[in-house]
Every structure is written in C-alpha cells, then in structure tokens.
C-alpha cells in the first residue's frame, strides 16, 4: 500500500512526536505507513503525489491571519511552500485533509476571509453537519451532531463559492469544508482523544489560546466529553483514499461501515 503523508509544523519535539503517534493511533496506520515531514525544521521539498495515498496537514501554532511583520522567516517560508503545494493539490484534486491550521491555510488559498471573529478557546464543542455534510462521502457516516475538541485563535469568517461547508457549530460557522471532490479541512481536531488533548492544553498553556490559570479547569471539563465520533473523519479519510482510489460520487458505499484500523490492516494482509 502507498503511505499517507503527514505534514507538521510544531517546534516542540515531544508535542510533534505525540501528534504523529495520535494520527497513527486513530487512523490505524503503522508509523511507516504515515510518512512525516516536519517543515518547521526543513523545507517541504517536492511531493510526488504518485507515492502517497493522501496528504494530511496537521494543526500548528502558526496563524494565517497574523500580520506579516509579526511572522518569523520560518512561518513565512512554510506559508509559501504550502501555497505552492495547494496549487498542485487543488489542480489535481488530490486527497488532502487539513486540520485546524489546515482549514485556514486551504481557506486562504481559496480566497476565504480568515480572521479572529470566530476563534474558540480550548474546549469540546457540539458540531452539526450541514445538509452537504450529511450527503458527503467522507462525513455521511458521522452522527448529525457530535462533540469534538477545538482550540484556535482564527477561523473562516467569509466563504467563497469554491468551498462547500460540511459542518458548523454555534460559535464557529465553518467547522469543516470540502473543495472539489477530495480536498477537505476541519477546524476541529479529529486526531485528539482526551489524553492527547490534555497533553496539548498543558503544552500550549502560554500560547494565548486561554489564560494559563484556566488549565486545570479546562482539563476537568474536557474529561467529561465524548469525542469518539470526531475520530471517524480520520478513519474515513484513510478508508476512502487508501492507495488513492477514486472517490465514488454517491454518498453510500459498499462496506463503508468498516473501521479505518481494519481497512489499513487488510491492506497489509
């Protein structure tokens, strides 16, 4: 099977390693089946679409809407490289999933307005699928409403015609979208379970997502959340695009109730 490619931009080695492990755990992919490029450390370089089943762009402490003069040279380089990659991804309609930072990056690439109007502090929120989400090949198996972890300073405030909104929440109108047939993004974090979210909250206590004094209260609240349905986004992404098979146009799929781990395991058998 062709591996998937995970692109990350977290500077802390332990946080970055935990992130890669979380994606492996919740997709059912082995570490060697999820290639990993830390583009905060080195330039992205060429990406041969023929070598991968799909691409995942993880969350980041970087922010699309931050004024240019406040961004580091590394962040500006990352933005240029991702913009070039997305030119090719969108042109080819290649399987791509952007998470949190990814929704702002893809949104900005498509001409959306990304600002701080709908930022959300670190918490679990109630997500609702839109009618387009209910009929979407990747999202149709999710419950119409489900909980998911969020924590972001910026979000999409205005949506261009090229973006199809798939999910929303009371405090953030665009929680997921699709461009074309195969390019997806979520504002929420489908890769985080309670343990990994708790670790992330502690790691970023001084990064402006919330007041540092709120850490323990946030952790106490999120321990009561059930975000398992949000993980299905990752499982469905792997199931749908393993070896980059063309996505069916119909929302219902034969065998679509298989979990992602068994799908990945079946490909290894």
Protein backbone atom coordinates (compact mmCIF):
# COMPACT_ATOMS: atom_id res chain seq x y z
CA UNK A 1 0.00 0.00 0.00
CA UNK A 2 1.06 3.60 -0.58
CA UNK A 3 1.67 5.51 2.64
CA UNK A 4 -0.09 8.71 3.60
CA UNK A 5 1.97 11.86 4.18
CA UNK A 6 1.65 13.89 7.40
CA UNK A 7 2.94 17.48 7.30
CA UNK A 8 3.52 19.16 10.67
CA UNK A 9 4.88 22.49 11.92
CA UNK A 10 5.22 22.08 15.69
CA UNK A 11 8.59 23.12 17.07
CA UNK A 12 8.48 21.08 20.27
CA UNK A 13 9.89 17.59 19.69
CA UNK A 14 7.68 15.89 22.27
CA UNK A 15 4.49 17.57 21.05
CA UNK A 16 5.36 16.77 17.43
CA UNK A 17 6.07 13.11 18.26
CA UNK A 18 2.82 12.80 20.22
CA UNK A 19 0.96 14.31 17.26
CA UNK A 20 2.37 11.78 14.79
CA UNK A 21 1.55 8.97 17.22
CA UNK A 22 -2.02 10.23 17.61
CA UNK A 23 -2.58 10.22 13.85
CA UNK A 24 -1.22 6.69 13.63
CA UNK A 25 -3.39 5.51 16.50
CA UNK A 26 -6.65 6.97 15.19
CA UNK A 27 -6.13 6.08 11.53
CA UNK A 28 -4.91 2.54 12.21
CA UNK A 29 -1.77 3.24 10.18
CA UNK A 30 1.62 1.96 11.26
CA UNK A 31 4.31 4.64 11.68
CA UNK A 32 5.96 3.55 8.43
CA UNK A 33 2.58 3.91 6.67
CA UNK A 34 2.35 7.56 7.69
CA UNK A 35 5.35 9.38 6.24
CA UNK A 36 6.19 12.52 8.18
CA UNK A 37 7.69 15.84 7.17
CA UNK A 38 8.35 18.49 9.84
CA UNK A 39 8.51 21.56 7.66
CA UNK A 40 9.22 23.82 10.62
CA UNK A 41 12.64 22.10 10.63
CA UNK A 42 13.39 21.79 6.91
CA UNK A 43 11.84 22.88 3.60
CA UNK A 44 8.97 20.74 2.36
CA UNK A 45 10.68 19.85 -0.90
CA UNK A 46 8.99 18.01 -3.78
CA UNK A 47 5.89 15.93 -3.05
CA UNK A 48 5.31 13.14 -5.55
CA UNK A 49 1.57 12.50 -5.46
CA UNK A 50 2.12 9.12 -7.07
CA UNK A 51 3.98 7.97 -3.95
CA UNK A 52 1.17 8.69 -1.48
CA UNK A 53 -2.43 7.71 -0.87
CA UNK A 54 -3.21 11.16 0.51
CA UNK A 55 -1.83 14.11 2.47
CA UNK A 56 -2.73 15.36 5.97
CA UNK A 57 -1.73 18.84 7.12
CA UNK A 58 -1.80 18.97 10.92
CA UNK A 59 -2.57 21.86 13.26
CA UNK A 60 0.03 24.45 14.17
CA UNK A 61 0.91 27.34 16.46
CA UNK A 62 1.22 29.36 13.21
CA UNK A 63 -1.74 31.57 12.27
CA UNK A 64 -2.77 32.62 8.78
CA UNK A 65 -4.27 35.95 9.88
CA UNK A 66 -1.30 37.20 11.92
CA UNK A 67 0.18 40.37 10.35
CA UNK A 68 3.14 39.57 8.12
CA UNK A 69 5.52 41.71 10.16
CA UNK A 70 4.86 39.52 13.22
CA UNK A 71 5.63 36.24 11.45
CA UNK A 72 9.03 34.57 11.60
CA UNK A 73 11.00 33.73 8.48
CA UNK A 74 10.17 30.08 9.11
CA UNK A 75 6.44 30.75 9.20
CA UNK A 76 6.60 32.82 6.01
CA UNK A 77 8.57 30.06 4.27
CA UNK A 78 6.04 27.46 5.42
CA UNK A 79 3.19 29.58 4.05
CA UNK A 80 4.87 29.93 0.67
CA UNK A 81 5.56 26.21 0.43
CA UNK A 82 2.04 25.23 1.45
CA UNK A 83 0.54 27.67 -1.04
CA UNK A 84 2.60 26.09 -3.81
CA UNK A 85 1.62 22.60 -2.67
CA UNK A 86 -2.07 23.55 -2.58
CA UNK A 87 -1.85 24.92 -6.12
CA UNK A 88 -1.00 21.39 -7.23
CA UNK A 89 -3.34 19.62 -4.78
CA UNK A 90 -6.39 21.62 -5.87
CA UNK A 91 -5.46 21.41 -9.55
CA UNK A 92 -5.15 17.61 -9.31
CA UNK A 93 -8.00 17.30 -6.76
CA UNK A 94 -5.61 15.06 -4.82
CA UNK A 95 -6.81 13.61 -1.48
CA UNK A 96 -5.92 16.15 1.22
CA UNK A 97 -7.10 16.75 4.77
CA UNK A 98 -6.16 19.97 6.57
CA UNK A 99 -6.76 20.15 10.33
CA UNK A 100 -7.20 23.44 12.26
CA UNK A 101 -4.26 25.39 10.76
CA UNK A 102 -5.12 23.46 7.62
CA UNK A 103 -8.61 24.97 7.36
CA UNK A 104 -7.16 28.48 7.47
CA UNK A 105 -4.42 27.59 5.02
CA UNK A 106 -6.75 26.00 2.46
CA UNK A 107 -9.40 28.65 3.11
CA UNK A 108 -6.95 31.49 2.46
CA UNK A 109 -5.73 29.70 -0.66
CA UNK A 110 -9.33 29.67 -1.92
CA UNK A 111 -9.93 33.34 -1.08
CA UNK A 112 -11.85 32.94 2.18
CA UNK A 113 -11.61 35.64 4.83
CA UNK A 114 -9.68 34.22 7.78
CA UNK A 115 -9.69 36.32 10.94
CA UNK A 116 -10.30 36.14 14.69
CA UNK A 117 -14.07 36.67 14.62
CA UNK A 118 -14.86 33.02 15.39
CA UNK A 119 -11.87 31.87 17.43
CA UNK A 120 -12.64 29.27 20.12
CA UNK A 121 -10.77 28.59 23.34
CA UNK A 122 -9.61 25.05 24.09
CA UNK A 123 -12.74 23.01 24.79
CA UNK A 124 -15.14 20.40 23.46
CA UNK A 125 -17.93 21.84 21.30
CA UNK A 126 -21.06 20.46 19.65
CA UNK A 127 -20.63 20.10 15.88
CA UNK A 128 -23.57 19.81 13.47
CA UNK A 129 -23.38 18.51 9.91
CA UNK A 130 -24.85 20.70 7.21
CA UNK A 131 -27.09 19.13 4.54
CA UNK A 132 -23.99 18.95 2.32
CA UNK A 133 -22.13 17.19 5.15
CA UNK A 134 -24.90 14.63 5.59
CA UNK A 135 -24.52 13.68 1.93
CA UNK A 136 -20.73 13.90 1.74
CA UNK A 137 -18.78 10.65 1.07
CA UNK A 138 -16.33 11.34 3.91
CA UNK A 139 -18.78 12.69 6.51
CA UNK A 140 -22.03 10.86 5.87
CA UNK A 141 -21.35 8.12 8.45
CA UNK A 142 -20.82 10.61 11.27
CA UNK A 143 -23.76 11.44 13.56
CA UNK A 144 -25.70 14.54 12.57
CA UNK A 145 -24.37 16.08 15.80
CA UNK A 146 -21.22 15.12 17.69
CA UNK A 147 -18.63 16.51 20.09
CA UNK A 148 -15.11 17.46 19.06
CA UNK A 149 -12.12 19.23 20.53
CA UNK A 150 -11.26 22.74 19.34
CA UNK A 151 -8.78 25.43 20.23
CA UNK A 152 -7.98 28.12 17.67
CA UNK A 153 -7.37 31.85 17.51
CA UNK A 154 -8.70 32.29 13.97
CA UNK A 155 -11.36 30.80 11.72
CA UNK A 156 -13.10 31.35 8.41
CA UNK A 157 -15.44 34.33 8.55
CA UNK A 158 -16.47 34.55 4.88
CA UNK A 159 -16.75 31.59 2.49
CA UNK A 160 -16.06 31.78 -1.27
CA UNK A 161 -18.14 29.81 -3.77
CA UNK A 162 -15.42 27.18 -4.22
CA UNK A 163 -15.87 25.97 -0.63
CA UNK A 164 -18.68 23.61 0.41
CA UNK A 165 -19.34 23.88 4.16
CA UNK A 166 -19.87 20.43 5.70
CA UNK A 167 -20.11 21.15 9.44
CA UNK A 168 -20.76 24.06 11.78
CA UNK A 169 -21.06 24.92 15.46
CA UNK A 170 -22.88 27.71 17.36
CA UNK A 171 -19.63 29.59 17.95
CA UNK A 172 -17.86 28.84 14.63
CA UNK A 173 -19.90 28.70 11.40
CA UNK A 174 -17.28 26.75 9.40
CA UNK A 175 -16.09 23.62 11.24
CA UNK A 176 -15.43 21.57 8.10
CA UNK A 177 -15.47 22.05 4.35
CA UNK A 178 -14.61 20.47 1.02
CA UNK A 179 -13.02 21.90 -2.12
CA UNK A 180 -13.65 19.94 -5.31
CA UNK A 181 -14.27 16.25 -4.50
CA UNK A 182 -11.21 15.26 -2.50
CA UNK A 183 -9.76 18.27 -0.64
CA UNK A 184 -11.07 18.52 2.93
CA UNK A 185 -10.46 20.62 6.02
CA UNK A 186 -11.68 20.61 9.62
CA UNK A 187 -11.49 23.36 12.21
CA UNK A 188 -11.92 20.79 14.98
CA UNK A 189 -9.24 18.24 15.86
CA UNK A 190 -10.24 14.69 14.82
CA UNK A 191 -6.81 13.40 15.89
CA UNK A 192 -7.21 14.23 19.58
CA UNK A 193 -8.62 11.99 22.28
CA UNK A 194 -8.94 13.12 25.89
CA UNK A 195 -5.38 12.15 26.89
CA UNK A 196 -3.73 13.82 23.90
CA UNK A 197 -5.91 16.92 24.18
CA UNK A 198 -4.99 17.25 27.86
CA UNK A 199 -1.32 16.99 26.95
CA UNK A 200 -1.77 19.61 24.22
CA UNK A 201 -3.50 22.00 26.64
CA UNK A 202 -0.58 21.76 29.05
CA UNK A 203 1.99 22.21 26.28
CA UNK A 204 0.35 25.38 24.95
CA UNK A 205 -0.68 27.00 28.24
CA UNK A 206 1.36 30.11 27.44
CA UNK A 207 0.48 30.45 23.74
CA UNK A 208 -2.56 32.69 24.07
CA UNK A 209 -5.33 30.14 23.45
CA UNK A 210 -6.58 30.63 27.02
CA UNK A 211 -5.38 32.14 30.30
CA UNK A 212 -2.74 29.89 31.93
CA UNK A 213 -4.73 29.89 35.17
CA UNK A 214 -7.55 28.06 33.35
CA UNK A 215 -5.55 24.92 32.53
CA UNK A 216 -6.91 22.65 35.25
CA UNK A 217 -10.50 23.84 34.77
CA UNK A 218 -10.26 23.18 31.02
CA UNK A 219 -8.88 19.70 31.61
CA UNK A 220 -11.62 18.91 34.11
CA UNK A 221 -14.30 19.93 31.60
CA UNK A 222 -12.88 18.04 28.62
CA UNK A 223 -12.54 14.82 30.60
CA UNK A 224 -16.35 14.62 30.51
CA UNK A 225 -16.52 14.99 26.71
CA UNK A 226 -17.11 12.10 24.32
CA UNK A 227 -15.33 12.96 21.06
CA UNK A 228 -15.10 9.46 19.60
CA UNK A 229 -17.36 10.28 16.66
CA UNK A 230 -14.98 13.04 15.53
CA UNK A 231 -12.24 10.43 15.07
CA UNK A 232 -14.28 8.89 12.27
CA UNK A 233 -13.11 11.67 9.95
CA UNK A 234 -9.58 10.22 10.02
CA UNK A 235 -10.78 6.66 9.65
CA UNK A 236 -12.97 7.57 6.70
CA UNK A 237 -10.15 9.56 5.05
CA UNK A 238 -7.86 6.52 5.16
CA UNK A 239 -10.63 4.14 4.11
CA UNK A 240 -11.70 6.34 1.21
CA UNK A 241 -8.27 7.13 -0.19
CA UNK A 242 -6.05 4.16 0.61
CA UNK A 243 -3.82 3.90 -2.49
CA UNK A 244 -5.70 6.93 -3.88
CA UNK A 245 -8.63 5.03 -5.28
CA UNK A 246 -11.09 7.42 -6.99
CA UNK A 247 -13.83 8.53 -4.62
CA UNK A 248 -17.34 7.32 -5.61
CA UNK A 249 -19.79 10.11 -6.38
CA UNK A 250 -22.64 8.53 -4.40
CA UNK A 251 -22.78 9.16 -0.62
CA UNK A 252 -23.36 5.49 0.24
CA UNK A 253 -20.57 2.95 -0.19
CA UNK A 254 -20.44 -0.81 -0.07
CA UNK A 255 -18.54 -1.87 3.02
CA UNK A 256 -18.41 1.70 4.33
CA UNK A 257 -19.10 0.57 7.88
CA UNK A 258 -15.60 -0.88 8.21
CA UNK A 259 -13.40 0.90 10.72
CA UNK A 260 -10.20 2.55 9.50
CA UNK A 261 -7.85 0.32 11.51
CA UNK A 262 -9.25 -2.85 9.93
CA UNK A 263 -9.07 -1.24 6.48
CA UNK A 264 -5.40 -0.40 6.91
CA UNK A 265 -4.72 -3.82 8.36
CA UNK A 266 -6.50 -5.50 5.48
CA UNK A 267 -4.25 -3.67 3.04
CA UNK A 268 -1.22 -5.03 4.88
CA UNK A 269 -2.50 -8.61 4.86
